[in-house]
Every structure is written in C-alpha cells, then in structure tokens.
Amino acid sequence: MRERIRDKERLEHILKSVNVLLEYKDKYSYEIVSSDPIVFYGFVKHVEIIGEAVYMLTKEYRAEHDALAWDDIERMRHVLVHGYYRIRPNQLWETIKNDIPPMKPIIEQLIEECDSQNTES
C-alpha cells in the first residue's frame, strides 16, 4: 500500500540514485559502460531504483506535482526490469546524460517542499 507519508522517503531514494548516476557518469566513458557488464548493470540498477521509487509515490502526490514526467520514468523502469534483454547501452547512456541531470534540482525542490510542509504541521 502506498502512503503519502512515504512520498518524501521515495523522493530521497530518487535523489540518492540521481546523485550516484551523476557522480559515476563522469568516471566512466560510454565505451566502458557499454562493454563492462558489471558497470553497465550498476548504472541500470540506479535507473531502476529511480523508476521503482516513482512507481511507489502516491497517485495523489504525482498528480499534485507534475514537474516531472512520472509516467515516463515509471515506464523506463518497466523496460529495464521486464525487457532486460533488450536494453541498449546507447539508450541507457543517453537517459543518464540527458534526463537525469535536470531531475536533480526538481527532486531537491520537492524534498524541500515536503520538509517545509512538515514544519508547518
């Protein structure tokens, strides 16, 4: 069961994986990521975590906060988990390079909003 009180915790999980991806995308080249399965699936796992945390957000929270394309993020998770055999390194890499960096300030802002709502209560 999804609980509104857990939405902040899910956002924190997203931010943690975003930070890992941002840190390590600069430490590894595309060539290494695409050729080393351990490195590749490490990146995959963090994108999956983001998608799973999004999936676990309450529907109310997602509807009230539309700064991110929640459904697209969730769909990416489904592709990575259920279509693991079809993951293309270039698509994963493009997602990490282009879609993950703009998420960080949005997620940080959403966490700040949760914090300020908790102090007002």
PDB file of N, CA and C in Angstrom:
ATOM      1  N   MET A   1       0.838  -1.182   0.000  1.00  0.00           N
ATOM      2  CA  MET A   1       0.000   0.000   0.000  1.00  0.00           C
ATOM      3  C   MET A   1       0.880   1.242   0.000  1.00  0.00           C
ATOM      4  N   ARG A   2       0.541   2.178  -0.814  1.00  0.00           N
ATOM      5  CA  ARG A   2       1.301   3.421  -0.895  1.00  0.00           C
ATOM      6  C   ARG A   2       0.750   4.405   0.124  1.00  0.00           C
ATOM      7  N   GLU A   3       1.654   5.076   0.797  1.00  0.00           N
ATOM      8  CA  GLU A   3       1.248   6.039   1.813  1.00  0.00           C
ATOM      9  C   GLU A   3       1.850   7.397   1.492  1.00  0.00           C
ATOM     10  N   ARG A   4       1.027   8.431   1.662  1.00  0.00           N
ATOM     11  CA  ARG A   4       1.508   9.789   1.412  1.00  0.00           C
ATOM     12  C   ARG A   4       2.726  10.116   2.269  1.00  0.00           C
ATOM     13  N   ILE A   5       2.730   9.633   3.496  1.00  0.00           N
ATOM     14  CA  ILE A   5       3.828   9.955   4.399  1.00  0.00           C
ATOM     15  C   ILE A   5       5.159   9.422   3.860  1.00  0.00           C
ATOM     16  N   ARG A   6       5.103   8.423   3.021  1.00  0.00           N
ATOM     17  CA  ARG A   6       6.313   7.828   2.462  1.00  0.00           C
ATOM     18  C   ARG A   6       6.791   8.537   1.194  1.00  0.00           C
ATOM     19  N   ASP A   7       6.013   9.482   0.681  1.00  0.00           N
ATOM     20  CA  ASP A   7       6.416  10.160  -0.550  1.00  0.00           C
ATOM     21  C   ASP A   7       7.780  10.829  -0.399  1.00  0.00           C
ATOM     22  N   LYS A   8       8.025  11.483   0.714  1.00  0.00           N
ATOM     23  CA  LYS A   8       9.325  12.131   0.916  1.00  0.00           C
ATOM     24  C   LYS A   8      10.447  11.093   0.904  1.00  0.00           C
ATOM     25  N   GLU A   9      10.214   9.973   1.529  1.00  0.00           N
ATOM     26  CA  GLU A   9      11.225   8.911   1.557  1.00  0.00           C
ATOM     27  C   GLU A   9      11.525   8.421   0.135  1.00  0.00           C
ATOM     28  N   ARG A  10      10.490   8.274  -0.674  1.00  0.00           N
ATOM     29  CA  ARG A  10      10.693   7.859  -2.062  1.00  0.00           C
ATOM     30  C   ARG A  10      11.490   8.911  -2.840  1.00  0.00           C
ATOM     31  N   LEU A  11      11.179  10.178  -2.600  1.00  0.00           N
ATOM     32  CA  LEU A  11      11.938  11.255  -3.254  1.00  0.00           C
ATOM     33  C   LEU A  11      13.410  11.202  -2.845  1.00  0.00           C
ATOM     34  N   GLU A  12      13.664  10.882  -1.587  1.00  0.00           N
ATOM     35  CA  GLU A  12      15.050  10.765  -1.128  1.00  0.00           C
ATOM     36  C   GLU A  12      15.760   9.595  -1.810  1.00  0.00           C
ATOM     37  N   HIS A  13      15.043   8.498  -2.044  1.00  0.00           N
ATOM     38  CA  HIS A  13      15.632   7.366  -2.776  1.00  0.00           C
ATOM     39  C   HIS A  13      15.981   7.790  -4.198  1.00  0.00           C
ATOM     40  N   ILE A  14      15.071   8.547  -4.813  1.00  0.00           N
ATOM     41  CA  ILE A  14      15.328   9.042  -6.172  1.00  0.00           C
ATOM     42  C   ILE A  14      16.574   9.909  -6.176  1.00  0.00           C
ATOM     43  N   LEU A  15      16.646  10.843  -5.251  1.00  0.00           N
ATOM     44  CA  LEU A  15      17.792  11.755  -5.201  1.00  0.00           C
ATOM     45  C   LEU A  15      19.095  11.006  -4.974  1.00  0.00           C
ATOM     46  N   LYS A  16      19.069  10.011  -4.127  1.00  0.00           N
ATOM     47  CA  LYS A  16      20.292   9.232  -3.864  1.00  0.00           C
ATOM     48  C   LYS A  16      20.786   8.561  -5.151  1.00  0.00           C
ATOM     49  N   SER A  17      19.881   7.945  -5.906  1.00  0.00           N
ATOM     50  CA  SER A  17      20.297   7.296  -7.150  1.00  0.00           C
ATOM     51  C   SER A  17      20.681   8.309  -8.217  1.00  0.00           C
ATOM     52  N   VAL A  18      19.981   9.431  -8.268  1.00  0.00           N
ATOM     53  CA  VAL A  18      20.372  10.501  -9.195  1.00  0.00           C
ATOM     54  C   VAL A  18      21.799  10.935  -8.898  1.00  0.00           C
ATOM     55  N   ASN A  19      22.113  11.139  -7.623  1.00  0.00           N
ATOM     56  CA  ASN A  19      23.464  11.566  -7.246  1.00  0.00           C
ATOM     57  C   ASN A  19      24.517  10.533  -7.619  1.00  0.00           C
ATOM     58  N   VAL A  20      24.207   9.265  -7.424  1.00  0.00           N
ATOM     59  CA  VAL A  20      25.150   8.206  -7.807  1.00  0.00           C
ATOM     60  C   VAL A  20      25.381   8.236  -9.314  1.00  0.00           C
ATOM     61  N   LEU A  21      24.306   8.315 -10.085  1.00  0.00           N
ATOM     62  CA  LEU A  21      24.443   8.341 -11.536  1.00  0.00           C
ATOM     63  C   LEU A  21      25.243   9.548 -12.009  1.00  0.00           C
ATOM     64  N   LEU A  22      24.975  10.699 -11.410  1.00  0.00           N
ATOM     65  CA  LEU A  22      25.699  11.912 -11.810  1.00  0.00           C
ATOM     66  C   LEU A  22      27.179  11.813 -11.465  1.00  0.00           C
ATOM     67  N   GLU A  23      27.479  11.248 -10.320  1.00  0.00           N
ATOM     68  CA  GLU A  23      28.882  11.100  -9.926  1.00  0.00           C
ATOM     69  C   GLU A  23      29.622  10.125 -10.838  1.00  0.00           C
ATOM     70  N   TYR A  24      29.017   8.987 -11.099  1.00  0.00           N
ATOM     71  CA  TYR A  24      29.731   7.941 -11.829  1.00  0.00           C
ATOM     72  C   TYR A  24      29.690   8.100 -13.344  1.00  0.00           C
ATOM     73  N   LYS A  25      28.755   8.854 -13.871  1.00  0.00           N
ATOM     74  CA  LYS A  25      28.752   9.049 -15.330  1.00  0.00           C
ATOM     75  C   LYS A  25      29.988   9.819 -15.769  1.00  0.00           C
ATOM     76  N   ASP A  26      30.568  10.591 -14.873  1.00  0.00           N
ATOM     77  CA  ASP A  26      31.789  11.320 -15.202  1.00  0.00           C
ATOM     78  C   ASP A  26      33.053  10.493 -14.963  1.00  0.00           C
ATOM     79  N   LYS A  27      32.905   9.364 -14.283  1.00  0.00           N
ATOM     80  CA  LYS A  27      34.058   8.499 -14.011  1.00  0.00           C
ATOM     81  C   LYS A  27      34.226   7.397 -15.053  1.00  0.00           C
ATOM     82  N   TYR A  28      33.156   7.137 -15.806  1.00  0.00           N
ATOM     83  CA  TYR A  28      33.192   6.070 -16.800  1.00  0.00           C
ATOM     84  C   TYR A  28      32.827   6.630 -18.165  1.00  0.00           C
ATOM     85  N   SER A  29      33.509   6.162 -19.167  1.00  0.00           N
ATOM     86  CA  SER A  29      33.164   6.539 -20.536  1.00  0.00           C
ATOM     87  C   SER A  29      32.036   5.623 -21.023  1.00  0.00           C
ATOM     88  N   TYR A  30      31.400   6.048 -22.075  1.00  0.00           N
ATOM     89  CA  TYR A  30      30.368   5.210 -22.700  1.00  0.00           C
ATOM     90  C   TYR A  30      30.953   3.861 -23.106  1.00  0.00           C
ATOM     91  N   GLU A  31      32.162   3.869 -23.607  1.00  0.00           N
ATOM     92  CA  GLU A  31      32.791   2.631 -24.057  1.00  0.00           C
ATOM     93  C   GLU A  31      32.916   1.626 -22.917  1.00  0.00           C
ATOM     94  N   ILE A  32      33.300   2.101 -21.735  1.00  0.00           N
ATOM     95  CA  ILE A  32      33.432   1.202 -20.581  1.00  0.00           C
ATOM     96  C   ILE A  32      32.052   0.712 -20.146  1.00  0.00           C
ATOM     97  N   VAL A  33      31.111   1.640 -20.050  1.00  0.00           N
ATOM     98  CA  VAL A  33      29.757   1.266 -19.625  1.00  0.00           C
ATOM     99  C   VAL A  33      29.163   0.230 -20.569  1.00  0.00           C
ATOM    100  N   SER A  34      29.352   0.416 -21.857  1.00  0.00           N
ATOM    101  CA  SER A  34      28.737  -0.500 -22.825  1.00  0.00           C
ATOM    102  C   SER A  34      29.465  -1.834 -22.938  1.00  0.00           C
ATOM    103  N   SER A  35      30.709  -1.903 -22.500  1.00  0.00           N
ATOM    104  CA  SER A  35      31.458  -3.148 -22.663  1.00  0.00           C
ATOM    105  C   SER A  35      31.657  -3.930 -21.365  1.00  0.00           C
ATOM    106  N   ASP A  36      31.471  -3.307 -20.227  1.00  0.00           N
ATOM    107  CA  ASP A  36      31.677  -3.988 -18.942  1.00  0.00           C
ATOM    108  C   ASP A  36      30.309  -4.268 -18.313  1.00  0.00           C
ATOM    109  N   PRO A  37      29.879  -5.517 -18.270  1.00  0.00           N
ATOM    110  CA  PRO A  37      28.535  -5.809 -17.778  1.00  0.00           C
ATOM    111  C   PRO A  37      28.305  -5.429 -16.316  1.00  0.00           C
ATOM    112  N   ILE A  38      29.326  -5.502 -15.502  1.00  0.00           N
ATOM    113  CA  ILE A  38      29.164  -5.126 -14.090  1.00  0.00           C
ATOM    114  C   ILE A  38      28.900  -3.628 -13.988  1.00  0.00           C
ATOM    115  N   VAL A  39      29.665  -2.839 -14.688  1.00  0.00           N
ATOM    116  CA  VAL A  39      29.470  -1.392 -14.691  1.00  0.00           C
ATOM    117  C   VAL A  39      28.111  -1.052 -15.322  1.00  0.00           C
ATOM    118  N   PHE A  40      27.829  -1.670 -16.455  1.00  0.00           N
ATOM    119  CA  PHE A  40      26.574  -1.424 -17.167  1.00  0.00           C
ATOM    120  C   PHE A  40      25.373  -1.668 -16.257  1.00  0.00           C
ATOM    121  N   TYR A  41      25.332  -2.830 -15.622  1.00  0.00           N
ATOM    122  CA  TYR A  41      24.177  -3.154 -14.789  1.00  0.00           C
ATOM    123  C   TYR A  41      24.150  -2.374 -13.479  1.00  0.00           C
ATOM    124  N   GLY A  42      25.276  -1.839 -13.074  1.00  0.00           N
ATOM    125  CA  GLY A  42      25.271  -0.913 -11.949  1.00  0.00           C
ATOM    126  C   GLY A  42      24.506   0.359 -12.301  1.00  0.00           C
ATOM    127  N   PHE A  43      24.743   0.867 -13.492  1.00  0.00           N
ATOM    128  CA  PHE A  43      24.004   2.037 -13.969  1.00  0.00           C
ATOM    129  C   PHE A  43      22.531   1.699 -14.151  1.00  0.00           C
ATOM    130  N   VAL A  44      22.268   0.545 -14.738  1.00  0.00           N
ATOM    131  CA  VAL A  44      20.883   0.117 -14.944  1.00  0.00           C
ATOM    132  C   VAL A  44      20.142   0.089 -13.609  1.00  0.00           C
ATOM    133  N   LYS A  45      20.768  -0.480 -12.594  1.00  0.00           N
ATOM    134  CA  LYS A  45      20.118  -0.641 -11.292  1.00  0.00           C
ATOM    135  C   LYS A  45      19.684   0.705 -10.722  1.00  0.00           C
ATOM    136  N   HIS A  46      20.516   1.717 -10.840  1.00  0.00           N
ATOM    137  CA  HIS A  46      20.144   3.018 -10.278  1.00  0.00           C
ATOM    138  C   HIS A  46      19.012   3.686 -11.058  1.00  0.00           C
ATOM    139  N   VAL A  47      18.965   3.467 -12.353  1.00  0.00           N
ATOM    140  CA  VAL A  47      17.822   3.977 -13.121  1.00  0.00           C
ATOM    141  C   VAL A  47      16.563   3.200 -12.718  1.00  0.00           C
ATOM    142  N   GLU A  48      16.699   1.908 -12.483  1.00  0.00           N
ATOM    143  CA  GLU A  48      15.576   1.100 -11.997  1.00  0.00           C
ATOM    144  C   GLU A  48      15.077   1.605 -10.645  1.00  0.00           C
ATOM    145  N   ILE A  49      16.002   1.903  -9.742  1.00  0.00           N
ATOM    146  CA  ILE A  49      15.625   2.390  -8.413  1.00  0.00           C
ATOM    147  C   ILE A  49      14.812   3.673  -8.540  1.00  0.00           C
ATOM    148  N   ILE A  50      15.252   4.567  -9.405  1.00  0.00           N
ATOM    149  CA  ILE A  50      14.501   5.809  -9.628  1.00  0.00           C
ATOM    150  C   ILE A  50      13.083   5.473 -10.089  1.00  0.00           C
ATOM    151  N   GLY A  51      12.979   4.576 -11.054  1.00  0.00           N
ATOM    152  CA  GLY A  51      11.661   4.201 -11.567  1.00  0.00           C
ATOM    153  C   GLY A  51      10.794   3.518 -10.531  1.00  0.00           C
ATOM    154  N   GLU A  52      11.378   2.676  -9.721  1.00  0.00           N
ATOM    155  CA  GLU A  52      10.619   1.990  -8.675  1.00  0.00           C
ATOM    156  C   GLU A  52      10.149   2.981  -7.620  1.00  0.00           C
ATOM    157  N   ALA A  53      10.999   3.903  -7.247  1.00  0.00           N
ATOM    158  CA  ALA A  53      10.596   4.912  -6.256  1.00  0.00           C
ATOM    159  C   ALA A  53       9.473   5.785  -6.812  1.00  0.00           C
ATOM    160  N   VAL A  54       9.556   6.128  -8.080  1.00  0.00           N
ATOM    161  CA  VAL A  54       8.478   6.886  -8.723  1.00  0.00           C
ATOM    162  C   VAL A  54       7.191   6.063  -8.694  1.00  0.00           C
ATOM    163  N   TYR A  55       7.291   4.798  -9.034  1.00  0.00           N
ATOM    164  CA  TYR A  55       6.133   3.908  -9.023  1.00  0.00           C
ATOM    165  C   TYR A  55       5.480   3.868  -7.645  1.00  0.00           C
ATOM    166  N   MET A  56       6.284   3.952  -6.598  1.00  0.00           N
ATOM    167  CA  MET A  56       5.777   3.853  -5.232  1.00  0.00           C
ATOM    168  C   MET A  56       5.239   5.172  -4.680  1.00  0.00           C
ATOM    169  N   LEU A  57       5.463   6.277  -5.388  1.00  0.00           N
ATOM    170  CA  LEU A  57       4.849   7.536  -4.955  1.00  0.00           C
ATOM    171  C   LEU A  57       3.336   7.398  -5.027  1.00  0.00           C
ATOM    172  N   THR A  58       2.639   8.077  -4.139  1.00  0.00           N
ATOM    173  CA  THR A  58       1.180   8.018  -4.206  1.00  0.00           C
ATOM    174  C   THR A  58       0.694   8.693  -5.483  1.00  0.00           C
ATOM    175  N   LYS A  59      -0.419   8.217  -5.962  1.00  0.00           N
ATOM    176  CA  LYS A  59      -1.016   8.805  -7.166  1.00  0.00           C
ATOM    177  C   LYS A  59      -1.379  10.267  -6.916  1.00  0.00           C
ATOM    178  N   GLU A  60      -1.789  10.567  -5.708  1.00  0.00           N
ATOM    179  CA  GLU A  60      -2.139  11.950  -5.357  1.00  0.00           C
ATOM    180  C   GLU A  60      -0.913  12.845  -5.451  1.00  0.00           C
ATOM    181  N   TYR A  61       0.199  12.363  -4.936  1.00  0.00           N
ATOM    182  CA  TYR A  61       1.422  13.168  -4.976  1.00  0.00           C
ATOM    183  C   TYR A  61       1.835  13.427  -6.418  1.00  0.00           C
ATOM    184  N   ARG A  62       1.828  12.393  -7.220  1.00  0.00           N
ATOM    185  CA  ARG A  62       2.221  12.540  -8.624  1.00  0.00           C
ATOM    186  C   ARG A  62       1.292  13.515  -9.345  1.00  0.00           C
ATOM    187  N   ALA A  63       0.004  13.441  -9.051  1.00  0.00           N
ATOM    188  CA  ALA A  63      -0.952  14.341  -9.704  1.00  0.00           C
ATOM    189  C   ALA A  63      -0.750  15.789  -9.267  1.00  0.00           C
ATOM    190  N   GLU A  64      -0.368  15.990  -8.024  1.00  0.00           N
ATOM    191  CA  GLU A  64      -0.181  17.343  -7.487  1.00  0.00           C
ATOM    192  C   GLU A  64       1.159  17.958  -7.893  1.00  0.00           C
ATOM    193  N   HIS A  65       2.109  17.154  -8.300  1.00  0.00           N
ATOM    194  CA  HIS A  65       3.466  17.618  -8.621  1.00  0.00           C
ATOM    195  C   HIS A  65       3.847  17.116 -10.003  1.00  0.00           C
ATOM    196  N   ASP A  66       3.558  17.914 -10.999  1.00  0.00           N
ATOM    197  CA  ASP A  66       3.745  17.463 -12.376  1.00  0.00           C
ATOM    198  C   ASP A  66       4.984  18.037 -13.060  1.00  0.00           C
ATOM    199  N   ALA A  67       5.976  18.425 -12.270  1.00  0.00           N
ATOM    200  CA  ALA A  67       7.204  18.981 -12.847  1.00  0.00           C
ATOM    201  C   ALA A  67       8.032  17.920 -13.569  1.00  0.00           C
ATOM    202  N   LEU A  68       7.786  16.667 -13.246  1.00  0.00           N
ATOM    203  CA  LEU A  68       8.489  15.569 -13.908  1.00  0.00           C
ATOM    204  C   LEU A  68       7.472  14.669 -14.608  1.00  0.00           C
ATOM    205  N   ALA A  69       7.932  13.999 -15.642  1.00  0.00           N
ATOM    206  CA  ALA A  69       7.077  13.062 -16.385  1.00  0.00           C
ATOM    207  C   ALA A  69       7.099  11.715 -15.664  1.00  0.00           C
ATOM    208  N   TRP A  70       6.354  11.632 -14.569  1.00  0.00           N
ATOM    209  CA  TRP A  70       6.367  10.443 -13.716  1.00  0.00           C
ATOM    210  C   TRP A  70       6.075   9.172 -14.512  1.00  0.00           C
ATOM    211  N   ASP A  71       5.091   9.224 -15.384  1.00  0.00           N
ATOM    212  CA  ASP A  71       4.712   8.025 -16.140  1.00  0.00           C
ATOM    213  C   ASP A  71       5.845   7.550 -17.042  1.00  0.00           C
ATOM    214  N   ASP A  72       6.562   8.479 -17.652  1.00  0.00           N
ATOM    215  CA  ASP A  72       7.700   8.108 -18.499  1.00  0.00           C
ATOM    216  C   ASP A  72       8.802   7.455 -17.678  1.00  0.00           C
ATOM    217  N   ILE A  73       9.035   7.994 -16.497  1.00  0.00           N
ATOM    218  CA  ILE A  73      10.072   7.436 -15.618  1.00  0.00           C
ATOM    219  C   ILE A  73       9.675   6.027 -15.188  1.00  0.00           C
ATOM    220  N   GLU A  74       8.417   5.863 -14.846  1.00  0.00           N
ATOM    221  CA  GLU A  74       7.931   4.539 -14.449  1.00  0.00           C
ATOM    222  C   GLU A  74       8.022   3.550 -15.613  1.00  0.00           C
ATOM    223  N   ARG A  75       7.685   3.995 -16.807  1.00  0.00           N
ATOM    224  CA  ARG A  75       7.771   3.115 -17.983  1.00  0.00           C
ATOM    225  C   ARG A  75       9.213   2.671 -18.236  1.00  0.00           C
ATOM    226  N   MET A  76      10.160   3.583 -18.021  1.00  0.00           N
ATOM    227  CA  MET A  76      11.572   3.236 -18.197  1.00  0.00           C
ATOM    228  C   MET A  76      11.947   2.104 -17.248  1.00  0.00           C
ATOM    229  N   ARG A  77      11.465   2.179 -16.029  1.00  0.00           N
ATOM    230  CA  ARG A  77      11.734   1.128 -15.047  1.00  0.00           C
ATOM    231  C   ARG A  77      11.180  -0.204 -15.534  1.00  0.00           C
ATOM    232  N   HIS A  78       9.963  -0.196 -16.073  1.00  0.00           N
ATOM    233  CA  HIS A  78       9.357  -1.433 -16.563  1.00  0.00           C
ATOM    234  C   HIS A  78      10.183  -2.026 -17.709  1.00  0.00           C
ATOM    235  N   VAL A  79      10.669  -1.184 -18.580  1.00  0.00           N
ATOM    236  CA  VAL A  79      11.509  -1.663 -19.686  1.00  0.00           C
ATOM    237  C   VAL A  79      12.783  -2.298 -19.139  1.00  0.00           C
ATOM    238  N   LEU A  80      13.418  -1.637 -18.185  1.00  0.00           N
ATOM    239  CA  LEU A  80      14.681  -2.153 -17.642  1.00  0.00           C
ATOM    240  C   LEU A  80      14.488  -3.466 -16.890  1.00  0.00           C
ATOM    241  N   VAL A  81      13.384  -3.572 -16.165  1.00  0.00           N
ATOM    242  CA  VAL A  81      13.154  -4.776 -15.367  1.00  0.00           C
ATOM    243  C   VAL A  81      12.632  -5.924 -16.230  1.00  0.00           C
ATOM    244  N   HIS A  82      11.621  -5.648 -17.037  1.00  0.00           N
ATOM    245  CA  HIS A  82      10.965  -6.722 -17.780  1.00  0.00           C
ATOM    246  C   HIS A  82      11.566  -6.948 -19.164  1.00  0.00           C
ATOM    247  N   GLY A  83      12.214  -5.935 -19.696  1.00  0.00           N
ATOM    248  CA  GLY A  83      12.834  -6.074 -21.009  1.00  0.00           C
ATOM    249  C   GLY A  83      14.344  -6.039 -20.909  1.00  0.00           C
ATOM    250  N   TYR A  84      14.877  -6.547 -19.810  1.00  0.00           N
ATOM    251  CA  TYR A  84      16.316  -6.501 -19.520  1.00  0.00           C
ATOM    252  C   TYR A  84      17.167  -6.992 -20.683  1.00  0.00           C
ATOM    253  N   TYR A  85      16.652  -7.913 -21.447  1.00  0.00           N
ATOM    254  CA  TYR A  85      17.405  -8.493 -22.562  1.00  0.00           C
ATOM    255  C   TYR A  85      17.444  -7.568 -23.781  1.00  0.00           C
ATOM    256  N   ARG A  86      16.661  -6.498 -23.738  1.00  0.00           N
ATOM    257  CA  ARG A  86      16.611  -5.568 -24.871  1.00  0.00           C
ATOM    258  C   ARG A  86      17.245  -4.218 -24.558  1.00  0.00           C
ATOM    259  N   ILE A  87      17.851  -4.077 -23.402  1.00  0.00           N
ATOM    260  CA  ILE A  87      18.417  -2.781 -23.020  1.00  0.00           C
ATOM    261  C   ILE A  87      19.578  -2.450 -23.951  1.00  0.00           C
ATOM    262  N   ARG A  88      19.507  -1.305 -24.549  1.00  0.00           N
ATOM    263  CA  ARG A  88      20.582  -0.847 -25.433  1.00  0.00           C
ATOM    264  C   ARG A  88      21.453   0.139 -24.661  1.00  0.00           C
ATOM    265  N   PRO A  89      22.751  -0.124 -24.619  1.00  0.00           N
ATOM    266  CA  PRO A  89      23.642   0.767 -23.870  1.00  0.00           C
ATOM    267  C   PRO A  89      23.519   2.232 -24.285  1.00  0.00           C
ATOM    268  N   ASN A  90      23.359   2.491 -25.567  1.00  0.00           N
ATOM    269  CA  ASN A  90      23.279   3.885 -26.011  1.00  0.00           C
ATOM    270  C   ASN A  90      22.020   4.568 -25.478  1.00  0.00           C
ATOM    271  N   GLN A  91      20.907   3.847 -25.376  1.00  0.00           N
ATOM    272  CA  GLN A  91      19.689   4.439 -24.828  1.00  0.00           C
ATOM    273  C   GLN A  91      19.840   4.720 -23.336  1.00  0.00           C
ATOM    274  N   LEU A  92      20.434   3.771 -22.630  1.00  0.00           N
ATOM    275  CA  LEU A  92      20.676   3.982 -21.205  1.00  0.00           C
ATOM    276  C   LEU A  92      21.588   5.184 -21.001  1.00  0.00           C
ATOM    277  N   TRP A  93      22.661   5.242 -21.767  1.00  0.00           N
ATOM    278  CA  TRP A  93      23.639   6.320 -21.627  1.00  0.00           C
ATOM    279  C   TRP A  93      23.008   7.675 -21.940  1.00  0.00           C
ATOM    280  N   GLU A  94      22.198   7.737 -22.976  1.00  0.00           N
ATOM    281  CA  GLU A  94      21.520   8.986 -23.322  1.00  0.00           C
ATOM    282  C   GLU A  94      20.566   9.417 -22.206  1.00  0.00           C
ATOM    283  N   THR A  95      19.879   8.472 -21.606  1.00  0.00           N
ATOM    284  CA  THR A  95      18.996   8.774 -20.474  1.00  0.00           C
ATOM    285  C   THR A  95      19.797   9.358 -19.321  1.00  0.00           C
ATOM    286  N   ILE A  96      20.921   8.736 -19.021  1.00  0.00           N
ATOM    287  CA  ILE A  96      21.755   9.203 -17.904  1.00  0.00           C
ATOM    288  C   ILE A  96      22.330  10.581 -18.201  1.00  0.00           C
ATOM    289  N   LYS A  97      22.780  10.795 -19.412  1.00  0.00           N
ATOM    290  CA  LYS A  97      23.377  12.091 -19.766  1.00  0.00           C
ATOM    291  C   LYS A  97      22.346  13.212 -19.884  1.00  0.00           C
ATOM    292  N   ASN A  98      21.184  12.918 -20.452  1.00  0.00           N
ATOM    293  CA  ASN A  98      20.240  13.977 -20.798  1.00  0.00           C
ATOM    294  C   ASN A  98      19.060  14.123 -19.851  1.00  0.00           C
ATOM    295  N   ASP A  99      18.590  13.026 -19.282  1.00  0.00           N
ATOM    296  CA  ASP A  99      17.372  13.081 -18.479  1.00  0.00           C
ATOM    297  C   ASP A  99      17.624  13.152 -16.979  1.00  0.00           C
ATOM    298  N   ILE A 100      18.712  12.571 -16.529  1.00  0.00           N
ATOM    299  CA  ILE A 100      18.981  12.534 -15.091  1.00  0.00           C
ATOM    300  C   ILE A 100      19.424  13.892 -14.540  1.00  0.00           C
ATOM    301  N   PRO A 101      20.359  14.611 -15.172  1.00  0.00           N
ATOM    302  CA  PRO A 101      20.805  15.888 -14.577  1.00  0.00           C
ATOM    303  C   PRO A 101      19.689  16.896 -14.283  1.00  0.00           C
ATOM    304  N   PRO A 102      18.710  17.101 -15.180  1.00  0.00           N
ATOM    305  CA  PRO A 102      17.661  18.064 -14.852  1.00  0.00           C
ATOM    306  C   PRO A 102      16.719  17.601 -13.743  1.00  0.00           C
ATOM    307  N   MET A 103      16.741  16.311 -13.438  1.00  0.00           N
ATOM    308  CA  MET A 103      15.895  15.801 -12.355  1.00  0.00           C
ATOM    309  C   MET A 103      16.357  16.288 -10.988  1.00  0.00           C
ATOM    310  N   LYS A 104      17.669  16.422 -10.837  1.00  0.00           N
ATOM    311  CA  LYS A 104      18.220  16.702  -9.506  1.00  0.00           C
ATOM    312  C   LYS A 104      17.614  17.945  -8.855  1.00  0.00           C
ATOM    313  N   PRO A 105      17.632  19.111  -9.497  1.00  0.00           N
ATOM    314  CA  PRO A 105      17.076  20.281  -8.809  1.00  0.00           C
ATOM    315  C   PRO A 105      15.577  20.170  -8.554  1.00  0.00           C
ATOM    316  N   ILE A 106      14.877  19.467  -9.416  1.00  0.00           N
ATOM    317  CA  ILE A 106      13.431  19.302  -9.219  1.00  0.00           C
ATOM    318  C   ILE A 106      13.172  18.425  -7.999  1.00  0.00           C
ATOM    319  N   ILE A 107      13.882  17.316  -7.901  1.00  0.00           N
ATOM    320  CA  ILE A 107      13.709  16.415  -6.753  1.00  0.00           C
ATOM    321  C   ILE A 107      14.129  17.120  -5.465  1.00  0.00           C
ATOM    322  N   GLU A 108      15.229  17.856  -5.508  1.00  0.00           N
ATOM    323  CA  GLU A 108      15.658  18.601  -4.313  1.00  0.00           C
ATOM    324  C   GLU A 108      14.582  19.587  -3.877  1.00  0.00           C
ATOM    325  N   GLN A 109      13.968  20.271  -4.833  1.00  0.00           N
ATOM    326  CA  GLN A 109      12.898  21.223  -4.516  1.00  0.00           C
ATOM    327  C   GLN A 109      11.689  20.509  -3.912  1.00  0.00           C
ATOM    328  N   LEU A 110      11.333  19.375  -4.461  1.00  0.00           N
ATOM    329  CA  LEU A 110      10.196  18.624  -3.930  1.00  0.00           C
ATOM    330  C   LEU A 110      10.463  18.149  -2.502  1.00  0.00           C
ATOM    331  N   ILE A 111      11.691  17.747  -2.224  1.00  0.00           N
ATOM    332  CA  ILE A 111      12.050  17.337  -0.861  1.00  0.00           C
ATOM    333  C   ILE A 111      11.968  18.535   0.076  1.00  0.00           C
ATOM    334  N   GLU A 112      12.467  19.681  -0.370  1.00  0.00           N
ATOM    335  CA  GLU A 112      12.369  20.900   0.443  1.00  0.00           C
ATOM    336  C   GLU A 112      10.919  21.247   0.749  1.00  0.00           C
ATOM    337  N   GLU A 113      10.050  21.100  -0.234  1.00  0.00           N
ATOM    338  CA  GLU A 113       8.621  21.361  -0.020  1.00  0.00           C
ATOM    339  C   GLU A 113       8.051  20.413   1.030  1.00  0.00           C
ATOM    340  N   CYS A 114       8.442  19.155   0.961  1.00  0.00           N
ATOM    341  CA  CYS A 114       7.978  18.184   1.981  1.00  0.00           C
ATOM    342  C   CYS A 114       8.461  18.609   3.361  1.00  0.00           C
ATOM    343  N   ASP A 115       9.726  19.024   3.444  1.00  0.00           N
ATOM    344  CA  ASP A 115      10.274  19.461   4.728  1.00  0.00           C
ATOM    345  C   ASP A 115       9.524  20.661   5.272  1.00  0.00           C
ATOM    346  N   SER A 116       9.246  21.632   4.399  1.00  0.00           N
ATOM    347  CA  SER A 116       8.561  22.833   4.871  1.00  0.00           C
ATOM    348  C   SER A 116       7.126  22.530   5.263  1.00  0.00           C
ATOM    349  N   GLN A 117       6.466  21.597   4.600  1.00  0.00           N
ATOM    350  CA  GLN A 117       5.113  21.197   4.982  1.00  0.00           C
ATOM    351  C   GLN A 117       5.108  20.494   6.321  1.00  0.00           C
ATOM    352  N   ASN A 118       6.170  19.728   6.581  1.00  0.00           N
ATOM    353  CA  ASN A 118       6.250  19.022   7.863  1.00  0.00           C
ATOM    354  C   ASN A 118       6.497  19.980   9.016  1.00  0.00           C
ATOM    355  N   THR A 119       7.238  21.057   8.784  1.00  0.00           N
ATOM    356  CA  THR A 119       7.497  22.011   9.859  1.00  0.00           C
ATOM    357  C   THR A 119       6.279  22.907  10.108  1.00  0.00           C
ATOM    358  N   GLU A 120       5.433  23.070   9.095  1.00  0.00           N
ATOM    359  CA  GLU A 120       4.228  23.877   9.246  1.00  0.00           C
ATOM    360  C   GLU A 120       3.127  23.097   9.964  1.00  0.00           C
ATOM    361  N   SER A 121       3.198  21.779   9.911  1.00  0.00           N
ATOM    362  CA  SER A 121       2.136  20.949  10.523  1.00  0.00           C
ATOM    363  C   SER A 121       2.217  20.932  12.022  1.00  0.00           C
TER     364      SER A 121
END
